[in-house]
């Protein structure tokens, strides 16, 4: 909406007052302020425009400086809320000052701290990334702030996906049957599936492999014990048979001796 349209909508008379009664400020001055103001100033300007001539003077001479600074503080605080450490520190310094300091921060004072925060963020991603991420981050750091922003916004993701797939292949190679199966399923899926496998999927699969191994070991021990018991039983039966045969032989020999005596 243009200033003239707003004036017509409000039914305002923008013609200058007579020279002998001309106030210091007119409604046209308020409309000009309204056009570039922040929310707080706009609301007060609209109220003044539908008020008296005295309301116009009060707004321009008393209310405007205070409300303008309040709007600037809100803007700085908003930038501070979404900024990194450097931006927050610079914003805090601006908030400790007056209107000039607030305007200076919003005009260009945040730019250098913002760029430095970008550089730090790239370095942090580089520190925790795999080989592909490290290489891409290093390339970005050798460029401009635009390169840093591009790496953070998009450039880091494809190298991270490649690094993740390589890590899955390594775990797959060293893992048991369950790990290999789940790893292959992840590799056949989306980058999110690969990340989920690395986050906790491989741990669950590895635990299952360990459980399977433990059960198999217990089964082997039970089978071995059963075989040993059978061997001992067979040996005992064999010894019992030998003893029984020896007893029978002794009895036969005794009977034979008695017959010879007779």
C-alpha atoms as a PDB file:
ATOM      1  CA  UNK A   1       0.000   0.000   0.000  1.00  0.00           C
ATOM      2  CA  UNK A   2       1.412   3.429  -0.965  1.00  0.00           C
ATOM      3  CA  UNK A   3       1.495   6.361   1.424  1.00  0.00           C
ATOM      4  CA  UNK A   4      -1.078   8.241  -0.629  1.00  0.00           C
ATOM      5  CA  UNK A   5      -3.397   5.228  -0.721  1.00  0.00           C
ATOM      6  CA  UNK A   6      -3.120   4.862   3.043  1.00  0.00           C
ATOM      7  CA  UNK A   7      -3.906   8.538   3.497  1.00  0.00           C
ATOM      8  CA  UNK A   8      -6.961   8.286   1.274  1.00  0.00           C
ATOM      9  CA  UNK A   9      -8.101   5.165   3.115  1.00  0.00           C
ATOM     10  CA  UNK A  10      -7.862   6.993   6.421  1.00  0.00           C
ATOM     11  CA  UNK A  11      -9.535  10.084   4.993  1.00  0.00           C
ATOM     12  CA  UNK A  12      -6.568  12.288   5.843  1.00  0.00           C
ATOM     13  CA  UNK A  13      -5.978  15.767   4.503  1.00  0.00           C
ATOM     14  CA  UNK A  14      -2.352  15.981   3.418  1.00  0.00           C
ATOM     15  CA  UNK A  15      -2.545  19.629   2.335  1.00  0.00           C
ATOM     16  CA  UNK A  16      -0.138  21.832   4.308  1.00  0.00           C
ATOM     17  CA  UNK A  17      -1.682  24.002   7.010  1.00  0.00           C
ATOM     18  CA  UNK A  18      -1.744  27.782   6.867  1.00  0.00           C
ATOM     19  CA  UNK A  19       1.632  29.369   7.539  1.00  0.00           C
ATOM     20  CA  UNK A  20       0.575  31.095  10.751  1.00  0.00           C
ATOM     21  CA  UNK A  21      -0.776  27.897  12.254  1.00  0.00           C
ATOM     22  CA  UNK A  22       1.574  25.331  10.727  1.00  0.00           C
ATOM     23  CA  UNK A  23       2.708  22.793  13.344  1.00  0.00           C
ATOM     24  CA  UNK A  24       6.224  21.440  13.451  1.00  0.00           C
ATOM     25  CA  UNK A  25       5.129  18.118  11.914  1.00  0.00           C
ATOM     26  CA  UNK A  26       2.345  17.180   9.533  1.00  0.00           C
ATOM     27  CA  UNK A  27       0.495  13.981   8.786  1.00  0.00           C
ATOM     28  CA  UNK A  28       2.651  13.645   5.666  1.00  0.00           C
ATOM     29  CA  UNK A  29       5.686  13.374   7.960  1.00  0.00           C
ATOM     30  CA  UNK A  30       4.009  10.596   9.910  1.00  0.00           C
ATOM     31  CA  UNK A  31       3.127   8.755   6.703  1.00  0.00           C
ATOM     32  CA  UNK A  32       6.741   8.959   5.563  1.00  0.00           C
ATOM     33  CA  UNK A  33       7.888   7.456   8.856  1.00  0.00           C
ATOM     34  CA  UNK A  34       5.203   4.779   8.650  1.00  0.00           C
ATOM     35  CA  UNK A  35       6.483   3.643   5.240  1.00  0.00           C
ATOM     36  CA  UNK A  36       9.855   2.410   6.538  1.00  0.00           C
ATOM     37  CA  UNK A  37       9.120   1.769  10.212  1.00  0.00           C
ATOM     38  CA  UNK A  38       9.128  -1.347  12.325  1.00  0.00           C
ATOM     39  CA  UNK A  39       6.007  -2.880  13.883  1.00  0.00           C
ATOM     40  CA  UNK A  40       5.971  -0.756  17.036  1.00  0.00           C
ATOM     41  CA  UNK A  41       6.435   2.518  15.181  1.00  0.00           C
ATOM     42  CA  UNK A  42       3.822   1.559  12.567  1.00  0.00           C
ATOM     43  CA  UNK A  43       1.156   0.907  15.185  1.00  0.00           C
ATOM     44  CA  UNK A  44       1.838   4.202  16.942  1.00  0.00           C
ATOM     45  CA  UNK A  45       1.954   6.083  13.621  1.00  0.00           C
ATOM     46  CA  UNK A  46      -1.432   4.696  12.598  1.00  0.00           C
ATOM     47  CA  UNK A  47      -2.893   5.768  15.922  1.00  0.00           C
ATOM     48  CA  UNK A  48      -1.434   9.259  15.516  1.00  0.00           C
ATOM     49  CA  UNK A  49      -2.740   9.605  11.965  1.00  0.00           C
ATOM     50  CA  UNK A  50      -6.332   9.169  13.091  1.00  0.00           C
ATOM     51  CA  UNK A  51      -5.790  11.431  16.090  1.00  0.00           C
ATOM     52  CA  UNK A  52      -5.469  15.152  16.582  1.00  0.00           C
ATOM     53  CA  UNK A  53      -2.773  17.525  15.417  1.00  0.00           C
ATOM     54  CA  UNK A  54      -1.333  17.358  18.908  1.00  0.00           C
ATOM     55  CA  UNK A  55      -1.143  13.561  18.613  1.00  0.00           C
ATOM     56  CA  UNK A  56       0.940  14.064  15.476  1.00  0.00           C
ATOM     57  CA  UNK A  57       3.344  16.388  17.299  1.00  0.00           C
ATOM     58  CA  UNK A  58       3.608  14.058  20.307  1.00  0.00           C
ATOM     59  CA  UNK A  59       4.269  11.042  18.106  1.00  0.00           C
ATOM     60  CA  UNK A  60       6.985  12.699  16.039  1.00  0.00           C
ATOM     61  CA  UNK A  61       8.786  14.537  18.827  1.00  0.00           C
ATOM     62  CA  UNK A  62       8.383  12.180  21.790  1.00  0.00           C
ATOM     63  CA  UNK A  63       7.126   8.717  20.878  1.00  0.00           C
ATOM     64  CA  UNK A  64       9.050   8.091  17.660  1.00  0.00           C
ATOM     65  CA  UNK A  65      12.620   8.043  19.074  1.00  0.00           C
ATOM     66  CA  UNK A  66      11.638   5.647  21.858  1.00  0.00           C
ATOM     67  CA  UNK A  67       9.584   3.335  19.651  1.00  0.00           C
ATOM     68  CA  UNK A  68      12.207   3.330  16.911  1.00  0.00           C
ATOM     69  CA  UNK A  69      14.863   2.168  19.370  1.00  0.00           C
ATOM     70  CA  UNK A  70      12.515  -0.516  20.689  1.00  0.00           C
ATOM     71  CA  UNK A  71      11.928  -1.827  17.161  1.00  0.00           C
ATOM     72  CA  UNK A  72      15.661  -1.853  16.520  1.00  0.00           C
ATOM     73  CA  UNK A  73      16.239  -3.795  19.724  1.00  0.00           C
ATOM     74  CA  UNK A  74      13.651  -6.354  18.674  1.00  0.00           C
ATOM     75  CA  UNK A  75      15.380  -6.770  15.303  1.00  0.00           C
ATOM     76  CA  UNK A  76      18.791  -7.189  16.912  1.00  0.00           C
ATOM     77  CA  UNK A  77      17.386  -9.703  19.385  1.00  0.00           C
ATOM     78  CA  UNK A  78      15.859 -11.694  16.509  1.00  0.00           C
ATOM     79  CA  UNK A  79      19.200 -11.836  14.707  1.00  0.00           C
ATOM     80  CA  UNK A  80      20.880 -12.766  17.972  1.00  0.00           C
ATOM     81  CA  UNK A  81      18.446 -15.643  18.534  1.00  0.00           C
ATOM     82  CA  UNK A  82      19.328 -17.388  15.266  1.00  0.00           C
ATOM     83  CA  UNK A  83      23.003 -16.448  15.130  1.00  0.00           C
ATOM     84  CA  UNK A  84      26.112 -18.329  16.110  1.00  0.00           C
ATOM     85  CA  UNK A  85      28.489 -17.414  18.947  1.00  0.00           C
ATOM     86  CA  UNK A  86      30.119 -14.542  17.055  1.00  0.00           C
ATOM     87  CA  UNK A  87      26.824 -12.995  16.000  1.00  0.00           C
ATOM     88  CA  UNK A  88      25.414 -13.346  19.498  1.00  0.00           C
ATOM     89  CA  UNK A  89      28.424 -11.596  21.008  1.00  0.00           C
ATOM     90  CA  UNK A  90      28.219  -8.711  18.510  1.00  0.00           C
ATOM     91  CA  UNK A  91      24.456  -8.418  19.020  1.00  0.00           C
ATOM     92  CA  UNK A  92      24.886  -8.328  22.772  1.00  0.00           C
ATOM     93  CA  UNK A  93      27.380  -5.489  22.408  1.00  0.00           C
ATOM     94  CA  UNK A  94      24.930  -3.577  20.211  1.00  0.00           C
ATOM     95  CA  UNK A  95      22.101  -4.119  22.687  1.00  0.00           C
ATOM     96  CA  UNK A  96      24.280  -2.515  25.357  1.00  0.00           C
ATOM     97  CA  UNK A  97      24.402   0.676  23.290  1.00  0.00           C
ATOM     98  CA  UNK A  98      21.878   3.080  21.845  1.00  0.00           C
ATOM     99  CA  UNK A  99      20.131   3.641  18.536  1.00  0.00           C
ATOM    100  CA  UNK A 100      23.339   4.302  16.599  1.00  0.00           C
ATOM    101  CA  UNK A 101      24.936   1.059  17.787  1.00  0.00           C
ATOM    102  CA  UNK A 102      21.775  -0.907  17.001  1.00  0.00           C
ATOM    103  CA  UNK A 103      21.577   0.536  13.485  1.00  0.00           C
ATOM    104  CA  UNK A 104      25.273  -0.098  12.872  1.00  0.00           C
ATOM    105  CA  UNK A 105      24.870  -3.754  13.827  1.00  0.00           C
ATOM    106  CA  UNK A 106      21.828  -4.240  11.589  1.00  0.00           C
ATOM    107  CA  UNK A 107      23.384  -2.354   8.653  1.00  0.00           C
ATOM    108  CA  UNK A 108      26.635  -4.312   8.439  1.00  0.00           C
ATOM    109  CA  UNK A 109      27.970  -5.013  11.912  1.00  0.00           C
ATOM    110  CA  UNK A 110      26.670  -8.582  11.929  1.00  0.00           C
ATOM    111  CA  UNK A 111      28.340  -9.591   8.656  1.00  0.00           C
ATOM    112  CA  UNK A 112      31.892 -10.307   9.828  1.00  0.00           C
ATOM    113  CA  UNK A 113      30.769 -12.273  12.929  1.00  0.00           C
ATOM    114  CA  UNK A 114      28.286 -14.170  10.752  1.00  0.00           C
ATOM    115  CA  UNK A 115      31.018 -15.176   8.301  1.00  0.00           C
ATOM    116  CA  UNK A 116      33.256 -16.283  11.148  1.00  0.00           C
ATOM    117  CA  UNK A 117      30.443 -18.385  12.595  1.00  0.00           C
ATOM    118  CA  UNK A 118      30.068 -20.058   9.200  1.00  0.00           C
ATOM    119  CA  UNK A 119      33.771 -20.860   9.101  1.00  0.00           C
ATOM    120  CA  UNK A 120      33.651 -22.339  12.595  1.00  0.00           C
ATOM    121  CA  UNK A 121      30.608 -24.436  11.671  1.00  0.00           C
ATOM    122  CA  UNK A 122      32.384 -25.844   8.607  1.00  0.00           C
ATOM    123  CA  UNK A 123      35.401 -26.705  10.754  1.00  0.00           C
ATOM    124  CA  UNK A 124      33.182 -28.492  13.281  1.00  0.00           C
ATOM    125  CA  UNK A 125      31.501 -30.555  10.557  1.00  0.00           C
ATOM    126  CA  UNK A 126      34.938 -31.352   9.187  1.00  0.00           C
ATOM    127  CA  UNK A 127      36.173 -32.535  12.586  1.00  0.00           C
ATOM    128  CA  UNK A 128      33.385 -35.083  13.013  1.00  0.00           C
ATOM    129  CA  UNK A 129      33.079 -36.160   9.384  1.00  0.00           C
ATOM    130  CA  UNK A 130      34.550 -39.035   7.448  1.00  0.00           C
ATOM    131  CA  UNK A 131      37.196 -38.768   4.719  1.00  0.00           C
ATOM    132  CA  UNK A 132      34.767 -37.496   2.077  1.00  0.00           C
ATOM    133  CA  UNK A 133      33.272 -34.852   4.358  1.00  0.00           C
ATOM    134  CA  UNK A 134      36.731 -33.723   5.460  1.00  0.00           C
ATOM    135  CA  UNK A 135      37.857 -33.270   1.864  1.00  0.00           C
ATOM    136  CA  UNK A 136      34.736 -31.295   0.892  1.00  0.00           C
ATOM    137  CA  UNK A 137      34.977 -29.141   4.023  1.00  0.00           C
ATOM    138  CA  UNK A 138      38.635 -28.391   3.343  1.00  0.00           C
ATOM    139  CA  UNK A 139      37.777 -27.288  -0.187  1.00  0.00           C
ATOM    140  CA  UNK A 140      35.062 -25.000   1.176  1.00  0.00           C
ATOM    141  CA  UNK A 141      37.365 -23.487   3.791  1.00  0.00           C
ATOM    142  CA  UNK A 142      39.791 -22.526   1.035  1.00  0.00           C
ATOM    143  CA  UNK A 143      37.003 -20.538  -0.632  1.00  0.00           C
ATOM    144  CA  UNK A 144      34.744 -17.624   0.250  1.00  0.00           C
ATOM    145  CA  UNK A 145      31.962 -17.219   2.830  1.00  0.00           C
ATOM    146  CA  UNK A 146      29.540 -18.133   0.042  1.00  0.00           C
ATOM    147  CA  UNK A 147      31.416 -21.427  -0.347  1.00  0.00           C
ATOM    148  CA  UNK A 148      31.150 -22.034   3.401  1.00  0.00           C
ATOM    149  CA  UNK A 149      27.411 -21.392   3.304  1.00  0.00           C
ATOM    150  CA  UNK A 150      26.976 -23.667   0.280  1.00  0.00           C
ATOM    151  CA  UNK A 151      28.839 -26.484   2.048  1.00  0.00           C
ATOM    152  CA  UNK A 152      26.683 -26.136   5.169  1.00  0.00           C
ATOM    153  CA  UNK A 153      23.420 -25.897   3.219  1.00  0.00           C
ATOM    154  CA  UNK A 154      24.046 -28.701   0.740  1.00  0.00           C
ATOM    155  CA  UNK A 155      27.640 -29.629  -0.011  1.00  0.00           C
ATOM    156  CA  UNK A 156      28.231 -31.720   3.102  1.00  0.00           C
ATOM    157  CA  UNK A 157      25.455 -34.244   2.512  1.00  0.00           C
ATOM    158  CA  UNK A 158      26.580 -36.273  -0.515  1.00  0.00           C
ATOM    159  CA  UNK A 159      30.100 -36.841   0.888  1.00  0.00           C
ATOM    160  CA  UNK A 160      28.526 -37.864   4.210  1.00  0.00           C
ATOM    161  CA  UNK A 161      26.314 -40.398   2.430  1.00  0.00           C
ATOM    162  CA  UNK A 162      29.366 -41.869   0.694  1.00  0.00           C
ATOM    163  CA  UNK A 163      31.287 -42.008   3.976  1.00  0.00           C
ATOM    164  CA  UNK A 164      28.345 -43.741   5.644  1.00  0.00           C
ATOM    165  CA  UNK A 165      28.119 -46.392   2.933  1.00  0.00           C
ATOM    166  CA  UNK A 166      31.818 -47.153   3.262  1.00  0.00           C
ATOM    167  CA  UNK A 167      31.405 -47.509   7.016  1.00  0.00           C
ATOM    168  CA  UNK A 168      28.476 -49.896   6.520  1.00  0.00           C
ATOM    169  CA  UNK A 169      30.567 -52.023   4.159  1.00  0.00           C
ATOM    170  CA  UNK A 170      33.321 -52.266   6.761  1.00  0.00           C
ATOM    171  CA  UNK A 171      30.898 -53.320   9.484  1.00  0.00           C
ATOM    172  CA  UNK A 172      29.290 -55.749   7.074  1.00  0.00           C
ATOM    173  CA  UNK A 173      32.647 -57.324   6.256  1.00  0.00           C
ATOM    174  CA  UNK A 174      33.549 -57.848   9.907  1.00  0.00           C
ATOM    175  CA  UNK A 175      30.074 -58.797  11.159  1.00  0.00           C
ATOM    176  CA  UNK A 176      28.199 -62.030  11.599  1.00  0.00           C
ATOM    177  CA  UNK A 177      25.220 -63.299   9.581  1.00  0.00           C
ATOM    178  CA  UNK A 178      22.692 -60.913  11.133  1.00  0.00           C
ATOM    179  CA  UNK A 179      24.964 -57.893  10.683  1.00  0.00           C
ATOM    180  CA  UNK A 180      25.605 -58.820   7.063  1.00  0.00           C
ATOM    181  CA  UNK A 181      21.895 -59.225   6.359  1.00  0.00           C
ATOM    182  CA  UNK A 182      20.820 -55.954   7.984  1.00  0.00           C
ATOM    183  CA  UNK A 183      23.759 -54.083   6.432  1.00  0.00           C
ATOM    184  CA  UNK A 184      22.774 -55.252   2.965  1.00  0.00           C
ATOM    185  CA  UNK A 185      19.192 -54.153   3.563  1.00  0.00           C
ATOM    186  CA  UNK A 186      20.466 -50.705   4.582  1.00  0.00           C
ATOM    187  CA  UNK A 187      22.689 -50.451   1.504  1.00  0.00           C
ATOM    188  CA  UNK A 188      19.707 -51.338  -0.685  1.00  0.00           C
ATOM    189  CA  UNK A 189      17.652 -48.581   0.950  1.00  0.00           C
ATOM    190  CA  UNK A 190      17.852 -44.818   1.349  1.00  0.00           C
ATOM    191  CA  UNK A 191      20.567 -42.676   2.954  1.00  0.00           C
ATOM    192  CA  UNK A 192      18.273 -42.524   5.988  1.00  0.00           C
ATOM    193  CA  UNK A 193      18.294 -46.335   6.157  1.00  0.00           C
ATOM    194  CA  UNK A 194      22.085 -46.312   6.062  1.00  0.00           C
ATOM    195  CA  UNK A 195      22.220 -43.744   8.856  1.00  0.00           C
ATOM    196  CA  UNK A 196      19.726 -45.737  10.936  1.00  0.00           C
ATOM    197  CA  UNK A 197      21.905 -48.832  10.564  1.00  0.00           C
ATOM    198  CA  UNK A 198      24.956 -46.905  11.759  1.00  0.00           C
ATOM    199  CA  UNK A 199      23.051 -45.302  14.632  1.00  0.00           C
ATOM    200  CA  UNK A 200      21.762 -48.498  16.215  1.00  0.00           C
ATOM    201  CA  UNK A 201      20.842 -51.127  13.629  1.00  0.00           C
ATOM    202  CA  UNK A 202      24.250 -52.742  13.515  1.00  0.00           C
ATOM    203  CA  UNK A 203      24.411 -52.926  17.326  1.00  0.00           C
ATOM    204  CA  UNK A 204      21.120 -54.823  17.466  1.00  0.00           C
ATOM    205  CA  UNK A 205      22.217 -57.157  14.675  1.00  0.00           C
ATOM    206  CA  UNK A 206      25.599 -57.699  16.320  1.00  0.00           C
ATOM    207  CA  UNK A 207      23.914 -58.557  19.623  1.00  0.00           C
ATOM    208  CA  UNK A 208      21.748 -61.112  17.827  1.00  0.00           C
ATOM    209  CA  UNK A 209      24.831 -62.621  16.244  1.00  0.00           C
ATOM    210  CA  UNK A 210      26.399 -62.831  19.694  1.00  0.00           C
ATOM    211  CA  UNK A 211      23.279 -64.492  21.100  1.00  0.00           C
ATOM    212  CA  UNK A 212      23.264 -66.978  18.234  1.00  0.00           C
ATOM    213  CA  UNK A 213      26.935 -67.706  18.820  1.00  0.00           C
ATOM    214  CA  UNK A 214      26.330 -68.230  22.530  1.00  0.00           C
ATOM    215  CA  UNK A 215      23.434 -70.597  21.899  1.00  0.00           C
ATOM    216  CA  UNK A 216      25.519 -72.524  19.393  1.00  0.00           C
ATOM    217  CA  UNK A 217      28.365 -72.768  21.875  1.00  0.00           C
ATOM    218  CA  UNK A 218      25.982 -74.056  24.554  1.00  0.00           C
ATOM    219  CA  UNK A 219      24.575 -76.565  22.097  1.00  0.00           C
ATOM    220  CA  UNK A 220      28.097 -77.753  21.289  1.00  0.00           C
ATOM    221  CA  UNK A 221      28.875 -78.135  24.989  1.00  0.00           C
ATOM    222  CA  UNK A 222      25.654 -80.059  25.582  1.00  0.00           C
ATOM    223  CA  UNK A 223      26.357 -82.316  22.629  1.00  0.00           C
ATOM    224  CA  UNK A 224      29.906 -82.893  23.830  1.00  0.00           C
ATOM    225  CA  UNK A 225      28.682 -83.705  27.337  1.00  0.00           C
ATOM    226  CA  UNK A 226      26.079 -86.065  25.937  1.00  0.00           C
ATOM    227  CA  UNK A 227      28.714 -87.837  23.881  1.00  0.00           C
ATOM    228  CA  UNK A 228      30.983 -88.100  26.919  1.00  0.00           C
ATOM    229  CA  UNK A 229      28.126 -89.504  28.996  1.00  0.00           C
ATOM    230  CA  UNK A 230      27.335 -92.040  26.292  1.00  0.00           C
ATOM    231  CA  UNK A 231      30.971 -93.038  26.087  1.00  0.00           C
ATOM    232  CA  UNK A 232      31.104 -93.479  29.861  1.00  0.00           C
ATOM    233  CA  UNK A 233      27.867 -95.475  29.802  1.00  0.00           C
ATOM    234  CA  UNK A 234      29.127 -97.680  27.008  1.00  0.00           C
ATOM    235  CA  UNK A 235      32.408 -98.161  28.872  1.00  0.00           C
ATOM    236  CA  UNK A 236      30.544 -99.047  32.051  1.00  0.00           C
ATOM    237  CA  UNK A 237      28.411-101.524  30.156  1.00  0.00           C
ATOM    238  CA  UNK A 238      31.509-102.999  28.597  1.00  0.00           C
ATOM    239  CA  UNK A 239      33.214-103.356  31.971  1.00  0.00           C
ATOM    240  CA  UNK A 240      30.045-104.842  33.449  1.00  0.00           C
ATOM    241  CA  UNK A 241      29.883-107.338  30.614  1.00  0.00           C
ATOM    242  CA  UNK A 242      33.516-108.233  31.185  1.00  0.00           C
ATOM    243  CA  UNK A 243      32.887-108.686  34.896  1.00  0.00           C
ATOM    244  CA  UNK A 244      29.831-110.808  34.183  1.00  0.00           C
ATOM    245  CA  UNK A 245      31.833-112.926  31.749  1.00  0.00           C
ATOM    246  CA  UNK A 246      34.630-113.292  34.281  1.00  0.00           C
ATOM    247  CA  UNK A 247      32.138-114.348  36.946  1.00  0.00           C
ATOM    248  CA  UNK A 248      30.584-116.886  34.615  1.00  0.00           C
ATOM    249  CA  UNK A 249      34.013-118.234  33.736  1.00  0.00           C
ATOM    250  CA  UNK A 250      34.927-118.515  37.409  1.00  0.00           C
ATOM    251  CA  UNK A 251      31.727-120.383  38.131  1.00  0.00           C
ATOM    252  CA  UNK A 252      32.332-122.727  35.223  1.00  0.00           C
ATOM    253  CA  UNK A 253      35.870-123.425  36.410  1.00  0.00           C
ATOM    254  CA  UNK A 254      34.621-124.138  39.911  1.00  0.00           C
ATOM    255  CA  UNK A 255      32.049-126.612  38.633  1.00  0.00           C
ATOM    256  CA  UNK A 256      34.689-128.268  36.520  1.00  0.00           C
ATOM    257  CA  UNK A 257      36.965-128.758  39.546  1.00  0.00           C
ATOM    258  CA  UNK A 258      34.129-130.258  41.587  1.00  0.00           C
ATOM    259  CA  UNK A 259      33.358-132.767  38.848  1.00  0.00           C
ATOM    260  CA  UNK A 260      36.976-133.908  38.728  1.00  0.00           C
ATOM    261  CA  UNK A 261      36.937-134.537  42.457  1.00  0.00           C
ATOM    262  CA  UNK A 262      33.898-136.730  42.126  1.00  0.00           C
END
